[in-house]
Protein backbone atom coordinates (compact mmCIF):
# COMPACT_ATOMS: atom_id res chain seq x y z
CA MET A 1 -8.70 14.42 -0.17
CA ILE A 2 -7.12 12.12 -2.88
CA LEU A 3 -8.26 8.48 -3.36
CA ILE A 4 -5.20 6.10 -3.33
CA ASP A 5 -5.12 2.50 -4.75
CA THR A 6 -3.03 -0.46 -3.82
CA GLY A 7 -0.24 -0.02 -6.33
CA PRO A 8 1.01 3.12 -4.97
CA LEU A 9 0.43 2.24 -1.52
CA VAL A 10 3.09 -0.46 -2.09
CA ALA A 11 5.19 1.35 -4.34
CA LEU A 12 5.56 4.31 -1.78
CA ILE A 13 6.87 1.94 0.72
CA ASP A 14 8.70 -0.69 -1.14
CA LYS A 15 11.97 0.80 -2.82
CA GLY A 16 12.28 -2.54 -4.60
CA GLN A 17 9.85 -1.24 -7.02
CA GLY A 18 12.49 0.61 -8.65
CA ASP A 19 11.24 3.34 -11.12
CA VAL A 20 7.68 2.87 -9.98
CA HIS A 21 8.63 3.81 -6.49
CA ILE A 22 10.59 6.87 -7.60
CA ARG A 23 7.54 8.13 -9.65
CA CYS A 24 5.18 7.41 -6.92
CA VAL A 25 7.31 9.12 -4.28
CA GLU A 26 7.68 12.22 -6.54
CA ALA A 27 3.99 12.26 -7.30
CA TYR A 28 3.11 11.94 -3.55
CA GLN A 29 5.48 14.93 -2.83
CA GLN A 30 3.46 17.06 -5.21
CA LEU A 31 0.16 16.07 -3.68
CA THR A 32 -1.75 18.32 -1.13
CA GLY A 33 -4.21 17.02 1.37
CA SER A 34 -4.77 13.54 2.86
CA LEU A 35 -5.10 10.30 1.04
CA LEU A 36 -7.94 8.00 1.36
CA THR A 37 -8.31 4.39 0.50
CA THR A 38 -10.73 1.44 1.27
CA TRP A 39 -10.39 -1.65 3.37
CA PRO A 40 -10.01 -3.99 0.17
CA CYS A 41 -7.16 -1.63 -1.07
CA PHE A 42 -5.51 -1.53 2.43
CA THR A 43 -5.93 -5.38 2.64
CA GLU A 44 -4.24 -5.83 -0.73
CA ALA A 45 -1.40 -3.56 0.19
CA MET A 46 -0.84 -5.42 3.49
CA TYR A 47 -0.73 -8.80 1.65
CA PHE A 48 1.73 -7.55 -1.02
CA LEU A 49 4.01 -5.74 1.60
CA SER A 50 4.00 -8.88 3.69
CA GLU A 51 5.39 -10.70 0.56
CA LEU A 52 7.77 -8.18 -0.18
CA ARG A 53 9.11 -6.62 3.05
CA GLY A 54 7.31 -8.56 5.85
CA TRP A 55 6.40 -6.86 9.03
CA SER A 56 8.77 -3.92 8.39
CA GLY A 57 6.71 -2.98 5.24
CA GLN A 58 3.50 -3.56 6.83
CA SER A 59 4.43 -1.39 9.73
CA VAL A 60 5.35 1.46 7.58
CA LEU A 61 1.65 1.23 5.98
CA TRP A 62 0.21 1.25 9.53
CA GLN A 63 2.26 4.54 10.41
CA PHE A 64 0.54 6.22 7.33
CA LEU A 65 -2.64 5.64 9.33
CA ASP A 66 -1.09 6.63 12.73
CA ARG A 67 0.07 9.98 11.26
CA LYS A 68 -3.25 10.54 9.50
CA VAL A 69 -1.80 10.95 6.04
CA LEU A 70 -3.83 8.01 5.15
CA HIS A 71 -7.44 7.41 6.07
CA LEU A 72 -9.73 4.59 5.57
CA HIS A 73 -13.38 4.68 4.07
CA TYR A 74 -15.73 2.18 5.60
CA ALA A 75 -18.40 1.18 2.90
CA ASN A 76 -22.02 1.06 4.25
CA GLU A 77 -24.72 -1.29 2.86
CA VAL A 78 -25.74 1.02 0.01
CA GLU A 79 -22.12 1.22 -0.98
CA CYS A 80 -21.62 -2.59 -0.82
CA TYR A 81 -24.65 -2.90 -3.21
CA ARG A 82 -23.10 -0.30 -5.46
CA ILE A 83 -19.80 -2.25 -5.44
CA LYS A 84 -21.56 -5.40 -6.60
CA VAL A 85 -23.28 -3.27 -9.40
CA LEU A 86 -19.94 -2.05 -10.63
CA MET A 87 -18.30 -5.35 -10.53
CA GLU A 88 -21.06 -6.75 -12.67
CA LYS A 89 -21.07 -3.83 -15.04
CA TYR A 90 -17.28 -3.98 -15.63
CA GLN A 91 -16.89 -7.70 -15.66
CA ASP A 92 -15.30 -7.86 -18.89
CA ILE A 93 -12.40 -5.84 -17.84
CA PRO A 94 -12.59 -7.49 -15.13
CA MET A 95 -13.16 -4.95 -12.07
CA ASP A 96 -11.99 -6.54 -8.86
CA LEU A 97 -13.28 -5.75 -5.32
CA ALA A 98 -10.65 -3.14 -4.29
CA ASP A 99 -11.29 -1.16 -7.67
CA ALA A 100 -14.93 -1.30 -7.27
CA SER A 101 -14.67 -0.08 -3.69
CA LEU A 102 -12.61 2.90 -4.85
CA VAL A 103 -15.19 3.86 -7.41
CA SER A 104 -17.92 3.50 -4.86
CA ALA A 105 -16.02 5.58 -2.19
CA ALA A 106 -15.31 8.11 -4.97
CA GLU A 107 -19.10 8.53 -5.57
CA ASN A 108 -19.88 8.45 -2.00
CA CYS A 109 -17.37 11.08 -0.92
CA ASN A 110 -17.52 13.30 -4.17
CA LEU A 111 -13.93 12.82 -5.12
CA ARG A 112 -12.58 12.59 -8.75
CA ARG A 113 -8.77 12.42 -8.15
CA ILE A 114 -7.39 9.01 -7.78
CA PHE A 115 -3.54 8.00 -7.22
CA THR A 116 -3.23 4.60 -9.09
CA LEU A 117 -0.98 2.80 -11.34
CA ASP A 118 -4.05 0.91 -12.85
CA SER A 119 -4.87 2.01 -16.38
CA ASP A 120 -8.58 0.64 -15.94
CA PHE A 121 -9.48 3.86 -14.08
CA TYR A 122 -9.31 5.58 -17.40
CA ILE A 123 -12.18 3.29 -18.28
CA TYR A 124 -14.17 3.46 -15.01
CA ARG A 125 -16.75 6.11 -14.72
CA LEU A 126 -18.01 7.82 -11.76
CA TYR A 127 -22.04 7.57 -11.59
CA ASP A 128 -21.67 5.82 -14.90
CA LYS A 129 -20.55 9.04 -16.84
CA ASP A 130 -17.73 11.15 -15.15
CA ALA A 131 -14.18 10.23 -15.86
CA PHE A 132 -11.56 10.12 -13.05
CA GLU A 133 -8.48 12.41 -12.80
CA VAL A 134 -5.78 9.82 -12.60
CA LEU A 135 -2.49 10.69 -10.94
CA PRO A 136 0.53 10.34 -11.42
């Protein structure tokens, strides 16, 4: 399973993203296994797709879930606390809720690979020490 951030979720669906769309589609075609995201990222992607493509874009994102190529991670109470700790630790970047939820999910699910367009994931550390493997 590979974590996926908001940016690639939107870019995979919205051809208007130009070169970013093409790069994300090419990277996605090389991936093996399912994708995992968090509710904050899913919510952001729904918002951006609504602004860019309306229901047609949002519908495609729902289809990713229906086809089980995308799964949602649900944070428990311990993870919610970890999200808060991460946001405080990286406040100078700053780390938003979606990014913190992905780092927490990665730690909880023991994942290192993340499909993201966000260069901050080169800075964030798992368990405060291990680097992510950033794709594409």
